[in-house]
Amino acid sequence: MDIAAELLKDQKKAAVTLGDQWEGKRGSKFNKNFIYTQWNGTQMDLGSPYLFLLLQK
């Protein structure tokens, strides 16, 4: 499965599960969500993925 499609599927599942707590976009605008999001769909700081990977070494 394409990684981007899998990520989108996971985000949609999280949006449904979280209900009103999901702050990302919904409906026809769902594809406009950020790639890296926090647990509630808000934009993650762009340095966070780098720092996570840096600490995994």
C-alpha atoms as a PDB file:
ATOM      1  CA  MET A   1       0.000   0.000   0.000  1.00  0.00           C
ATOM      2  CA  ASP A   2       1.209   3.486  -0.784  1.00  0.00           C
ATOM      3  CA  ILE A   3       2.522   5.182   2.370  1.00  0.00           C
ATOM      4  CA  ALA A   4       0.608   8.416   1.699  1.00  0.00           C
ATOM      5  CA  ALA A   5      -2.652   6.501   1.234  1.00  0.00           C
ATOM      6  CA  GLU A   6      -2.020   4.580   4.448  1.00  0.00           C
ATOM      7  CA  LEU A   7      -1.354   7.824   6.339  1.00  0.00           C
ATOM      8  CA  LEU A   8      -4.566   9.354   4.973  1.00  0.00           C
ATOM      9  CA  LYS A   9      -6.504   6.255   6.008  1.00  0.00           C
ATOM     10  CA  ASP A  10      -5.073   6.466   9.544  1.00  0.00           C
ATOM     11  CA  GLN A  11      -5.926  10.172   9.790  1.00  0.00           C
ATOM     12  CA  LYS A  12      -9.518   9.523   8.686  1.00  0.00           C
ATOM     13  CA  LYS A  13      -9.829   6.769  11.267  1.00  0.00           C
ATOM     14  CA  ALA A  14      -8.509   9.112  13.969  1.00  0.00           C
ATOM     15  CA  ALA A  15     -10.936  11.862  12.903  1.00  0.00           C
ATOM     16  CA  VAL A  16     -13.895   9.488  13.207  1.00  0.00           C
ATOM     17  CA  THR A  17     -12.679   8.066  16.509  1.00  0.00           C
ATOM     18  CA  LEU A  18     -12.010  11.467  18.097  1.00  0.00           C
ATOM     19  CA  GLY A  19     -15.249  13.055  16.933  1.00  0.00           C
ATOM     20  CA  ASP A  20     -15.481  16.667  18.166  1.00  0.00           C
ATOM     21  CA  GLN A  21     -11.907  16.578  19.491  1.00  0.00           C
ATOM     22  CA  TRP A  22     -10.569  16.371  15.915  1.00  0.00           C
ATOM     23  CA  GLU A  23      -9.490  19.906  14.950  1.00  0.00           C
ATOM     24  CA  GLY A  24      -8.251  19.104  11.458  1.00  0.00           C
ATOM     25  CA  LYS A  25     -10.280  19.563   8.305  1.00  0.00           C
ATOM     26  CA  ARG A  26     -13.273  17.333   7.567  1.00  0.00           C
ATOM     27  CA  GLY A  27     -15.459  16.309   4.659  1.00  0.00           C
ATOM     28  CA  SER A  28     -14.477  17.392   1.152  1.00  0.00           C
ATOM     29  CA  LYS A  29     -11.565  19.432   2.581  1.00  0.00           C
ATOM     30  CA  PHE A  30     -10.055  16.457   4.448  1.00  0.00           C
ATOM     31  CA  ASN A  31      -7.235  16.136   1.894  1.00  0.00           C
ATOM     32  CA  LYS A  32      -6.052  19.636   2.849  1.00  0.00           C
ATOM     33  CA  ASN A  33      -4.907  18.433   6.295  1.00  0.00           C
ATOM     34  CA  PHE A  34      -1.208  18.607   7.032  1.00  0.00           C
ATOM     35  CA  ILE A  35       0.926  15.507   6.540  1.00  0.00           C
ATOM     36  CA  TYR A  36       2.426  15.713  10.009  1.00  0.00           C
ATOM     37  CA  THR A  37      -0.338  16.269  12.540  1.00  0.00           C
ATOM     38  CA  GLN A  38      -0.698  16.067  16.269  1.00  0.00           C
ATOM     39  CA  TRP A  39      -3.117  13.560  17.828  1.00  0.00           C
ATOM     40  CA  ASN A  40      -6.065  15.927  17.262  1.00  0.00           C
ATOM     41  CA  GLY A  41      -5.358  16.892  13.642  1.00  0.00           C
ATOM     42  CA  THR A  42      -3.655  20.219  14.270  1.00  0.00           C
ATOM     43  CA  GLN A  43      -0.386  20.981  12.514  1.00  0.00           C
ATOM     44  CA  MET A  44       2.686  19.486  14.136  1.00  0.00           C
ATOM     45  CA  ASP A  45       5.739  21.702  14.519  1.00  0.00           C
ATOM     46  CA  LEU A  46       7.812  21.070  11.409  1.00  0.00           C
ATOM     47  CA  GLY A  47      10.892  20.289  13.510  1.00  0.00           C
ATOM     48  CA  SER A  48       9.168  17.523  15.480  1.00  0.00           C
ATOM     49  CA  PRO A  49       9.641  14.672  12.985  1.00  0.00           C
ATOM     50  CA  TYR A  50      13.316  15.571  12.635  1.00  0.00           C
ATOM     51  CA  LEU A  51      13.831  15.699  16.387  1.00  0.00           C
ATOM     52  CA  PHE A  52      12.047  12.369  16.810  1.00  0.00           C
ATOM     53  CA  LEU A  53      14.302  10.716  14.249  1.00  0.00           C
ATOM     54  CA  LEU A  54      17.375  12.395  15.693  1.00  0.00           C
ATOM     55  CA  LEU A  55      16.607  10.995  19.166  1.00  0.00           C
ATOM     56  CA  GLN A  56      16.133   7.463  17.770  1.00  0.00           C
ATOM     57  CA  LYS A  57      19.851   7.136  16.970  1.00  0.00           C
END
